[in-house]
């Protein structure tokens, strides 16, 4: 069973604002999570959230096993994406 990938409004907005080559790489990274989302992610310390690397960008996400859902919360440059979590 494959997981669904869903983006919040703010994550969609951030993805659209990125240069096309970075956005394409991020979409490919997200698609690779469909079959096994735990294969490439790193759990954030003290949190239920996960981080996925894509070049200099990070994708903050929540994985809901019971719903087979990967929810993308934030997409941003590694220098500032973790602020306020």
C-alpha atoms as a PDB file:
ATOM      1  CA  UNK A   1       0.000   0.000   0.000  1.00  0.00           C
ATOM      2  CA  UNK A   2       1.324   3.378  -0.981  1.00  0.00           C
ATOM      3  CA  UNK A   3       1.183   6.482   1.171  1.00  0.00           C
ATOM      4  CA  UNK A   4      -0.579   9.612  -0.044  1.00  0.00           C
ATOM      5  CA  UNK A   5       1.446  12.837  -0.157  1.00  0.00           C
ATOM      6  CA  UNK A   6      -0.360  15.995   0.903  1.00  0.00           C
ATOM      7  CA  UNK A   7       0.990  19.544   1.261  1.00  0.00           C
ATOM      8  CA  UNK A   8      -0.283  22.317   3.498  1.00  0.00           C
ATOM      9  CA  UNK A   9      -1.098  25.670   1.882  1.00  0.00           C
ATOM     10  CA  UNK A  10       2.125  27.204   3.178  1.00  0.00           C
ATOM     11  CA  UNK A  11       4.195  24.269   1.855  1.00  0.00           C
ATOM     12  CA  UNK A  12       2.572  24.590  -1.591  1.00  0.00           C
ATOM     13  CA  UNK A  13       3.284  28.303  -1.590  1.00  0.00           C
ATOM     14  CA  UNK A  14       6.930  27.721  -0.639  1.00  0.00           C
ATOM     15  CA  UNK A  15       7.323  25.058  -3.335  1.00  0.00           C
ATOM     16  CA  UNK A  16       5.914  27.334  -6.036  1.00  0.00           C
ATOM     17  CA  UNK A  17       8.253  30.157  -4.968  1.00  0.00           C
ATOM     18  CA  UNK A  18      11.388  28.012  -5.434  1.00  0.00           C
ATOM     19  CA  UNK A  19      13.440  27.956  -8.645  1.00  0.00           C
ATOM     20  CA  UNK A  20      12.135  25.241 -10.961  1.00  0.00           C
ATOM     21  CA  UNK A  21      15.189  22.975 -10.684  1.00  0.00           C
ATOM     22  CA  UNK A  22      14.977  22.906  -6.869  1.00  0.00           C
ATOM     23  CA  UNK A  23      11.202  22.430  -6.943  1.00  0.00           C
ATOM     24  CA  UNK A  24      11.537  19.497  -9.348  1.00  0.00           C
ATOM     25  CA  UNK A  25      14.119  17.837  -7.099  1.00  0.00           C
ATOM     26  CA  UNK A  26      11.860  18.277  -4.058  1.00  0.00           C
ATOM     27  CA  UNK A  27       8.852  16.785  -5.859  1.00  0.00           C
ATOM     28  CA  UNK A  28      10.962  13.777  -6.878  1.00  0.00           C
ATOM     29  CA  UNK A  29      12.144  13.346  -3.269  1.00  0.00           C
ATOM     30  CA  UNK A  30       8.546  13.431  -2.038  1.00  0.00           C
ATOM     31  CA  UNK A  31       7.423  10.912  -4.656  1.00  0.00           C
ATOM     32  CA  UNK A  32      10.138   8.531  -3.470  1.00  0.00           C
ATOM     33  CA  UNK A  33       8.414   8.403  -0.065  1.00  0.00           C
ATOM     34  CA  UNK A  34       5.206   6.828  -1.393  1.00  0.00           C
ATOM     35  CA  UNK A  35       6.222   3.201  -0.921  1.00  0.00           C
ATOM     36  CA  UNK A  36       8.317   3.549   2.278  1.00  0.00           C
ATOM     37  CA  UNK A  37       8.358   7.010   3.874  1.00  0.00           C
ATOM     38  CA  UNK A  38      10.685   5.957   6.681  1.00  0.00           C
ATOM     39  CA  UNK A  39      13.516   4.992   4.335  1.00  0.00           C
ATOM     40  CA  UNK A  40      14.928   8.488   3.749  1.00  0.00           C
ATOM     41  CA  UNK A  41      13.651  10.667   6.590  1.00  0.00           C
ATOM     42  CA  UNK A  42      15.233  11.677   9.870  1.00  0.00           C
ATOM     43  CA  UNK A  43      13.172  12.112  13.045  1.00  0.00           C
ATOM     44  CA  UNK A  44      13.529  15.531  14.666  1.00  0.00           C
ATOM     45  CA  UNK A  45      14.679  15.331  18.270  1.00  0.00           C
ATOM     46  CA  UNK A  46      11.919  15.838  20.809  1.00  0.00           C
ATOM     47  CA  UNK A  47       9.215  15.917  18.160  1.00  0.00           C
ATOM     48  CA  UNK A  48       6.835  13.718  16.191  1.00  0.00           C
ATOM     49  CA  UNK A  49       7.994  15.408  12.973  1.00  0.00           C
ATOM     50  CA  UNK A  50      10.479  14.231  10.370  1.00  0.00           C
ATOM     51  CA  UNK A  51      12.926  15.971   8.038  1.00  0.00           C
ATOM     52  CA  UNK A  52      13.790  15.040   4.458  1.00  0.00           C
ATOM     53  CA  UNK A  53      16.902  16.447   2.775  1.00  0.00           C
ATOM     54  CA  UNK A  54      16.903  17.675  -0.792  1.00  0.00           C
ATOM     55  CA  UNK A  55      20.103  19.537  -1.563  1.00  0.00           C
ATOM     56  CA  UNK A  56      20.239  22.708   0.565  1.00  0.00           C
ATOM     57  CA  UNK A  57      16.501  22.483   1.231  1.00  0.00           C
ATOM     58  CA  UNK A  58      14.653  20.635   3.955  1.00  0.00           C
ATOM     59  CA  UNK A  59      11.125  19.278   3.951  1.00  0.00           C
ATOM     60  CA  UNK A  60       9.446  19.062   7.350  1.00  0.00           C
ATOM     61  CA  UNK A  61       6.728  16.448   7.430  1.00  0.00           C
ATOM     62  CA  UNK A  62       4.439  14.387   9.583  1.00  0.00           C
ATOM     63  CA  UNK A  63       3.873  10.722   8.798  1.00  0.00           C
ATOM     64  CA  UNK A  64       0.510   9.276   9.797  1.00  0.00           C
ATOM     65  CA  UNK A  65       0.695   5.498   9.640  1.00  0.00           C
ATOM     66  CA  UNK A  66      -2.968   4.911  10.436  1.00  0.00           C
ATOM     67  CA  UNK A  67      -4.072   7.046   7.458  1.00  0.00           C
ATOM     68  CA  UNK A  68      -1.174   6.117   5.131  1.00  0.00           C
ATOM     69  CA  UNK A  69      -0.486   9.833   4.781  1.00  0.00           C
ATOM     70  CA  UNK A  70       2.675  11.923   4.490  1.00  0.00           C
ATOM     71  CA  UNK A  71       1.754  15.512   5.341  1.00  0.00           C
ATOM     72  CA  UNK A  72       4.281  18.127   4.213  1.00  0.00           C
ATOM     73  CA  UNK A  73       4.245  21.012   6.683  1.00  0.00           C
ATOM     74  CA  UNK A  74       7.164  23.179   5.569  1.00  0.00           C
ATOM     75  CA  UNK A  75       9.632  23.465   2.729  1.00  0.00           C
ATOM     76  CA  UNK A  76      12.555  25.820   3.035  1.00  0.00           C
ATOM     77  CA  UNK A  77      16.261  26.431   3.016  1.00  0.00           C
ATOM     78  CA  UNK A  78      18.124  24.574   5.725  1.00  0.00           C
ATOM     79  CA  UNK A  79      19.213  27.826   7.356  1.00  0.00           C
ATOM     80  CA  UNK A  80      15.715  28.783   8.473  1.00  0.00           C
ATOM     81  CA  UNK A  81      13.216  25.986   8.030  1.00  0.00           C
ATOM     82  CA  UNK A  82      13.586  24.663  11.590  1.00  0.00           C
ATOM     83  CA  UNK A  83      12.867  28.004  13.315  1.00  0.00           C
ATOM     84  CA  UNK A  84       9.700  28.017  15.349  1.00  0.00           C
ATOM     85  CA  UNK A  85       9.107  24.268  15.410  1.00  0.00           C
END
